[in-house]
Protein backbone atom coordinates (compact mmCIF):
# COMPACT_ATOMS: atom_id res chain seq x y z
CA MET A 1 13.36 10.38 -2.26
CA ILE A 2 15.28 8.92 -4.92
CA ASN A 3 19.26 10.47 -5.74
CA SER A 4 18.98 10.03 -9.09
CA THR A 5 22.78 11.08 -9.41
CA GLU A 6 24.12 8.13 -7.65
CA ASN A 7 21.83 6.13 -11.29
CA PRO A 8 23.53 5.17 -14.60
CA ASP A 9 21.03 7.43 -17.24
CA PHE A 10 19.20 3.84 -18.82
CA VAL A 11 17.71 3.54 -14.83
CA ASN A 12 16.96 7.43 -14.65
CA ASP A 13 15.53 7.40 -18.49
CA PHE A 14 13.83 3.89 -17.17
CA LEU A 15 11.85 5.94 -13.91
CA ASP A 16 11.46 9.20 -15.91
CA TYR A 17 9.40 6.88 -18.51
CA SER A 18 7.48 4.70 -15.96
CA SER A 19 6.36 8.36 -14.40
CA ILE A 20 5.45 10.55 -17.10
CA ILE A 21 4.10 7.23 -19.72
CA LEU A 22 2.93 3.95 -17.37
CA ASN A 23 1.58 7.06 -14.76
CA LYS A 24 3.50 5.18 -12.33
CA SER A 25 3.17 6.28 -8.58
CA LYS A 26 5.32 8.14 -6.64
CA ASN A 27 5.28 5.07 -4.53
CA SER A 28 6.45 3.28 -7.02
CA ILE A 29 8.85 4.64 -8.53
CA LYS A 30 10.80 4.82 -5.45
CA GLU A 31 10.37 0.90 -4.92
CA TYR A 32 11.42 0.97 -9.10
CA ASN A 33 14.56 2.59 -8.62
CA TYR A 34 15.28 0.55 -5.17
CA ASP A 35 14.00 -2.55 -7.24
CA ILE A 36 16.16 -2.55 -9.97
CA LEU A 37 19.46 -0.90 -8.26
CA HIS A 38 19.68 -3.85 -5.58
CA PHE A 39 19.91 -5.69 -9.14
CA LEU A 40 22.18 -4.50 -10.67
CA LYS A 41 24.22 -4.71 -8.12
CA PHE A 42 24.48 -8.17 -7.94
CA ILE A 43 24.77 -8.27 -11.95
CA LYS A 44 28.20 -6.42 -10.73
CA PHE A 45 28.79 -8.88 -8.18
CA ARG A 46 27.92 -11.90 -9.85
CA PHE A 47 29.63 -10.88 -12.63
CA GLY A 48 33.01 -9.66 -11.04
CA LEU A 49 32.98 -6.34 -11.74
CA SER A 50 33.39 -5.03 -8.43
CA ASN A 51 35.94 -5.63 -4.94
CA VAL A 52 33.47 -6.55 -2.90
CA LYS A 53 33.97 -10.78 -2.44
CA ASP A 54 30.59 -11.04 0.20
CA GLU A 55 27.19 -11.27 -0.93
CA GLU A 56 26.46 -9.23 2.02
CA ASP A 57 28.29 -6.17 0.67
CA ILE A 58 26.18 -5.84 -2.42
CA LYS A 59 24.55 -3.25 -1.47
CA THR A 60 27.73 -0.96 -0.79
CA ILE A 61 28.69 -1.31 -4.78
CA ASN A 62 28.72 1.74 -6.64
CA ILE A 63 26.82 0.89 -10.33
CA GLY A 64 27.05 4.32 -11.82
CA ASP A 65 29.79 2.93 -14.22
CA LEU A 66 27.58 0.30 -15.36
CA SER A 67 27.62 0.19 -18.81
CA LEU A 68 24.48 -1.24 -21.43
CA ASP A 69 26.71 -3.46 -22.49
CA ILE A 70 26.58 -5.49 -19.11
CA LEU A 71 22.61 -5.75 -19.33
CA ASN A 72 22.98 -7.41 -23.08
CA LYS A 73 25.14 -9.68 -21.70
CA VAL A 74 22.34 -10.78 -19.15
CA GLN A 75 20.89 -14.11 -18.95
CA LEU A 76 17.75 -15.42 -17.39
CA GLU A 77 19.87 -17.81 -15.14
CA ASP A 78 21.52 -14.92 -14.06
CA ILE A 79 17.79 -13.49 -12.76
CA HIS A 80 16.87 -16.90 -10.84
CA ALA A 81 20.08 -16.26 -9.27
CA PHE A 82 18.95 -13.28 -7.54
CA LEU A 83 15.81 -13.93 -7.20
CA SER A 84 17.58 -17.02 -4.73
CA TYR A 85 20.14 -15.09 -3.26
CA LEU A 86 17.58 -12.80 -2.01
CA ARG A 87 15.20 -15.45 -0.95
CA ASN A 88 18.72 -16.50 0.94
CA THR A 89 20.16 -13.96 2.10
CA TYR A 90 16.64 -11.39 3.57
CA ASN A 91 14.37 -14.50 3.68
CA SER A 92 12.83 -12.63 1.04
CA LYS A 93 8.53 -14.43 1.00
CA PRO A 94 7.35 -15.00 -2.43
CA ALA A 95 5.45 -11.82 -3.20
CA THR A 96 8.24 -9.85 -2.25
CA LEU A 97 10.31 -12.07 -5.10
CA ALA A 98 7.12 -11.78 -7.29
CA ARG A 99 6.99 -8.12 -7.42
CA LYS A 100 10.74 -7.50 -8.64
CA THR A 101 9.85 -10.01 -10.63
CA SER A 102 7.91 -7.85 -12.74
CA THR A 103 9.86 -4.73 -11.70
CA ILE A 104 12.84 -6.78 -13.37
CA ARG A 105 10.36 -7.74 -15.99
CA ILE A 106 9.36 -4.10 -17.13
CA PHE A 107 12.97 -2.62 -17.14
CA PHE A 108 14.26 -5.15 -19.67
CA GLN A 109 11.10 -4.32 -21.74
CA TYR A 110 11.68 -0.55 -21.69
CA LEU A 111 16.04 -1.46 -22.54
CA CYS A 112 13.99 -3.83 -24.95
CA ASN A 113 11.62 -3.09 -27.05
CA LYS A 114 10.89 0.79 -25.97
CA SER A 115 13.73 2.42 -25.93
CA LYS A 116 15.78 -0.11 -28.20
CA LYS A 117 18.81 0.78 -25.81
CA ILE A 118 19.50 -2.78 -25.68
CA PRO A 119 18.97 -5.56 -28.26
CA ASN A 120 18.50 -8.51 -25.94
CA ASN A 121 15.18 -9.16 -23.67
CA PRO A 122 15.96 -11.94 -20.51
CA THR A 123 12.87 -11.41 -19.03
CA VAL A 124 10.58 -13.60 -22.38
CA ASP A 125 10.86 -16.50 -20.26
CA LEU A 126 10.95 -15.26 -17.32
CA GLU A 127 8.20 -16.80 -14.47
CA SER A 128 6.69 -15.20 -11.05
CA PRO A 129 7.44 -16.91 -8.24
CA LYS A 130 4.32 -18.96 -7.05
CA ILE A 131 2.18 -16.96 -4.22
CA GLY A 132 0.25 -19.03 -2.18
CA LYS A 133 -3.81 -17.58 -1.41
CA ARG A 134 -4.55 -16.00 2.12
CA LEU A 135 -6.75 -14.96 3.49
CA PRO A 136 -6.61 -11.47 4.56
CA LYS A 137 -7.07 -10.58 8.07
CA TYR A 138 -9.35 -8.29 9.39
CA LEU A 139 -11.37 -7.32 13.03
CA THR A 140 -14.59 -8.56 13.24
CA LEU A 141 -18.05 -6.30 13.86
CA GLU A 142 -17.32 -5.88 17.43
CA ASP A 143 -13.78 -5.67 17.40
CA SER A 144 -13.91 -2.71 14.98
CA GLU A 145 -16.68 -1.03 17.25
CA LYS A 146 -14.19 -1.83 20.32
CA LEU A 147 -11.89 0.33 17.86
CA LEU A 148 -14.23 3.82 17.67
CA ASP A 149 -15.51 3.50 20.85
CA ALA A 150 -11.51 3.79 21.71
CA ALA A 151 -9.98 6.57 20.20
CA LYS A 152 -13.20 8.59 20.46
CA LYS A 153 -12.58 8.95 24.17
CA PRO A 154 -10.30 11.76 24.69
CA THR A 155 -7.58 11.74 27.39
CA LEU A 156 -5.63 15.09 28.82
CA LYS A 157 -1.90 15.48 28.13
CA SER A 158 0.55 16.42 30.99
CA ASN A 159 0.69 20.37 29.67
CA GLY A 160 -3.34 19.82 30.45
CA ASN A 161 -4.57 20.44 26.23
CA HIS A 162 -6.34 17.51 25.09
CA ASP A 163 -5.00 15.06 22.59
CA ASN A 164 -6.16 14.53 19.29
CA SER A 165 -8.60 12.13 19.49
CA TYR A 166 -11.33 13.56 17.32
CA ARG A 167 -8.82 13.34 14.56
CA ASN A 168 -7.34 10.04 15.40
CA PHE A 169 -11.13 8.78 15.70
CA THR A 170 -12.33 10.58 12.71
CA ILE A 171 -8.97 8.77 10.17
CA ILE A 172 -9.97 5.51 11.63
CA THR A 173 -14.28 6.07 10.33
CA LEU A 174 -12.78 6.95 7.18
CA PHE A 175 -10.66 3.76 7.32
CA LEU A 176 -13.76 0.77 8.51
CA ASN A 177 -16.18 2.28 6.22
CA CYS A 178 -14.53 3.62 3.39
CA GLY A 179 -11.77 0.94 2.67
CA LEU A 180 -8.86 3.94 2.80
CA ARG A 181 -5.50 3.25 1.23
CA LEU A 182 -2.80 4.83 3.52
CA SER A 183 -1.63 6.83 0.79
CA GLU A 184 -4.88 8.44 -0.48
CA LEU A 185 -6.65 9.17 3.40
CA VAL A 186 -2.99 11.80 4.00
CA GLY A 187 -3.70 13.23 1.12
CA ILE A 188 -7.29 14.35 1.07
CA ASN A 189 -7.65 18.01 0.90
CA ILE A 190 -11.20 19.85 2.58
CA LYS A 191 -12.03 20.40 -0.71
CA ASP A 192 -12.06 16.77 -2.23
CA ILE A 193 -15.17 16.83 0.59
CA ASP A 194 -18.87 17.68 -0.39
CA PHE A 195 -21.10 17.58 1.36
CA PHE A 196 -23.84 18.23 -0.29
CA ASP A 197 -23.55 14.97 -2.30
CA ASN A 198 -21.98 13.45 0.49
CA LYS A 199 -19.21 12.47 -1.07
CA LEU A 200 -15.35 11.78 -1.26
CA ASN A 201 -12.77 12.52 -4.25
CA VAL A 202 -9.43 10.54 -3.59
CA ILE A 203 -6.41 9.72 -5.50
CA GLY A 204 -5.42 6.22 -5.43
CA LYS A 205 -2.40 4.43 -7.59
CA GLY A 206 -1.53 5.14 -10.79
CA ASN A 207 -2.89 9.00 -10.33
CA LYS A 208 -6.29 7.61 -10.51
CA GLU A 209 -9.02 9.52 -8.78
CA ARG A 210 -12.15 8.03 -8.21
CA VAL A 211 -15.45 8.88 -5.81
CA ILE A 212 -16.10 7.73 -2.62
CA TYR A 213 -19.70 8.62 -0.91
CA LEU A 214 -20.05 9.08 2.35
CA ASN A 215 -22.18 7.09 4.69
CA ASP A 216 -23.78 8.76 8.03
CA ALA A 217 -20.88 8.00 9.88
CA CYS A 218 -18.42 9.42 8.28
CA VAL A 219 -20.25 13.10 7.01
CA ASP A 220 -20.96 13.07 11.02
CA ALA A 221 -17.24 12.69 11.84
CA LEU A 222 -15.82 14.34 8.97
CA LYS A 223 -18.34 17.62 10.23
CA LYS A 224 -17.36 17.46 13.66
CA TYR A 225 -13.47 17.13 12.87
CA ILE A 226 -13.26 19.90 10.62
CA GLU A 227 -15.00 22.55 13.23
CA ILE A 228 -12.30 21.82 15.74
CA ARG A 229 -9.98 20.80 13.22
CA PRO A 230 -6.84 23.99 13.71
CA LYS A 231 -6.98 27.29 11.67
CA GLU A 232 -4.51 29.16 12.49
CA GLY A 233 -0.88 28.51 12.50
CA ILE A 234 -0.72 26.10 9.47
CA GLN A 235 2.00 25.71 6.90
CA PHE A 236 0.47 27.77 3.82
CA SER A 237 1.75 24.09 1.68
CA ASP A 238 -0.96 22.47 4.05
CA LYS A 239 -3.04 24.64 3.83
CA ASP A 240 -5.51 22.77 2.54
CA ALA A 241 -5.23 19.34 3.79
CA LEU A 242 -7.72 17.65 5.47
CA PHE A 243 -5.82 15.79 8.83
CA LEU A 244 -3.05 17.47 10.78
CA SER A 245 -0.69 16.72 12.74
CA GLU A 246 0.53 18.31 16.24
CA GLN A 247 3.46 20.90 13.95
CA LYS A 248 0.25 21.44 12.29
CA LYS A 249 1.53 19.86 9.24
CA ARG A 250 -0.26 17.43 6.36
CA ILE A 251 -0.13 14.40 7.93
CA SER A 252 2.68 11.45 7.18
CA ARG A 253 2.06 7.63 6.71
CA ARG A 254 4.01 7.08 9.80
CA THR A 255 2.05 9.38 11.89
CA VAL A 256 -1.01 7.88 10.85
CA GLN A 257 0.44 4.49 11.37
CA TYR A 258 2.25 5.63 14.78
CA ILE A 259 -1.67 6.66 15.66
CA ILE A 260 -3.50 3.13 14.80
CA LYS A 261 -1.31 0.93 16.18
CA ASN A 262 -2.19 3.28 19.51
CA GLU A 263 -5.53 3.33 18.99
CA LEU A 264 -4.94 -0.84 18.82
CA ASN A 265 -3.67 -1.13 22.14
CA LYS A 266 -6.14 1.17 23.35
CA ALA A 267 -8.91 -1.00 22.74
CA GLY A 268 -6.99 -3.64 23.86
CA ILE A 269 -6.08 -4.88 20.07
CA ASP A 270 -3.15 -6.66 19.28
CA PRO A 271 -1.12 -3.89 16.99
CA ASN A 272 1.22 -6.42 15.91
CA LYS A 273 -1.51 -8.90 14.25
CA TYR A 274 -3.29 -5.64 13.00
CA SER A 275 -1.93 -2.88 10.53
CA VAL A 276 -3.40 0.19 8.46
CA HIS A 277 -3.98 -1.82 5.76
CA LYS A 278 -6.00 -4.57 7.65
CA LEU A 279 -8.30 -1.55 8.32
CA ARG A 280 -8.93 -1.83 4.21
CA HIS A 281 -9.12 -5.52 4.55
CA THR A 282 -11.97 -4.77 7.06
CA ALA A 283 -14.21 -1.98 5.72
CA ALA A 284 -14.56 -4.57 2.56
CA THR A 285 -15.07 -7.22 4.37
CA LEU A 286 -17.75 -6.11 6.93
CA MET A 287 -19.87 -4.61 3.73
CA TYR A 288 -19.54 -8.35 1.58
CA GLN A 289 -20.67 -9.99 4.61
CA TYR A 290 -23.19 -7.28 5.74
CA GLY A 291 -24.05 -5.61 3.20
CA ASN A 292 -24.99 -7.66 0.63
CA VAL A 293 -22.34 -5.43 -1.68
CA ASP A 294 -21.64 -7.01 -5.06
CA ILE A 295 -18.68 -7.97 -5.84
CA ARG A 296 -17.94 -5.10 -8.94
CA ALA A 297 -19.08 -2.28 -6.61
CA LEU A 298 -16.44 -3.02 -4.25
CA GLN A 299 -13.82 -3.50 -6.81
CA LEU A 300 -14.83 0.29 -7.74
CA LEU A 301 -15.85 1.42 -4.18
CA LEU A 302 -11.60 0.22 -3.39
CA GLY A 303 -10.22 1.05 -6.33
CA HIS A 304 -9.01 -2.05 -7.73
CA GLU A 305 -7.45 -2.88 -11.07
CA SER A 306 -8.25 -6.17 -11.47
CA ILE A 307 -11.45 -7.59 -10.21
CA ALA A 308 -9.86 -10.64 -9.09
CA THR A 309 -7.32 -8.61 -6.29
CA THR A 310 -11.53 -7.93 -4.81
CA GLN A 311 -11.89 -11.35 -5.46
CA ILE A 312 -10.19 -12.29 -1.64
CA TYR A 313 -13.12 -10.69 0.43
CA THR A 314 -15.90 -13.16 -0.53
CA HIS A 315 -14.65 -15.60 1.50
CA VAL A 316 -16.39 -16.78 4.03
CA ASN A 317 -16.03 -17.52 8.20
CA ASN A 318 -15.66 -20.69 9.62
CA GLU A 319 -19.31 -19.44 11.18
CA GLN A 320 -21.11 -18.66 7.99
CA ILE A 321 -19.67 -22.29 7.01
CA ARG A 322 -20.72 -23.82 10.03
CA LEU A 323 -23.83 -22.45 10.50
CA ALA A 324 -24.10 -23.11 6.10
CA ILE A 325 -24.18 -26.94 6.54
CA GLU A 326 -27.12 -26.31 9.49
CA SER A 327 -29.03 -24.59 7.50
CA ASN A 328 -29.10 -28.28 4.76
CA PRO A 329 -33.21 -29.24 5.19
CA LEU A 330 -31.50 -33.04 5.84
CA ALA A 331 -29.41 -31.66 8.70
CA ARG A 332 -32.21 -32.91 11.49
CA ARG A 333 -32.74 -36.18 10.06
CA LYS A 334 -31.57 -39.25 11.92
């Protein structure tokens, strides 16, 4: 949760604008709040407006009294200095710096162009740090099958009760077949599933709703899980949640992350190399490599706003490259 009482009014106004007008998700608003507060604390330090003497203590600075007059004095060089501070102090990666740059740019556009709170926008010539293109990590088909097999095996607890293995199996089945985001999975309600047309409604980034059509594996797993899903003792606010924790509440993101790490371990797969998001990469890669899925269909399935984001899954592995060379009709001409 955001403690808005610690924010200057103009920061809270920006967060309200981002939530209501820009329709940003709760997670995006939390990131905006964190990034902006860190930036403003740095500005107060840089302008000599705090008692803090060491850059390592910048996060302790209070900015509740920061005025818009100070923000109007911010120059492009001050923003560059902040990004340099993040890289040198926290070893921030280009992707992190690019995100924070974007937040600062949106923030000043709001202050200058939308709310007219300040006349000068220091981000007019602000460039985003260059991000090197990296291929996404993903599980092979063989490892994906090993993970599903490991998750499906029930284990016995010390009290004699079976664990949540089928719930976990269903979660992994949805990740690997549908390419869901973590937030999308934990947000699923039972009413979101349509077994007549075998489809699922999910709420993605920016509160955008999309339809995912379920294959046989997903339908079978969901039906079997719903049969054994707890029916009694569920907290009223979570009674419609599809996936429940042992406390019979809607399952949390952290719990799902723990489940995936544990199941990867059971399958003999290094959990330090793969995460929940890597299962989304795996689903997209397997669909593209084995299903000849059209790139635009994949874009809609994954809920990407830009097709450029989806294009990272059009990579081919080394074996495919080798086979392409071998398939050349001149390959055996000596």
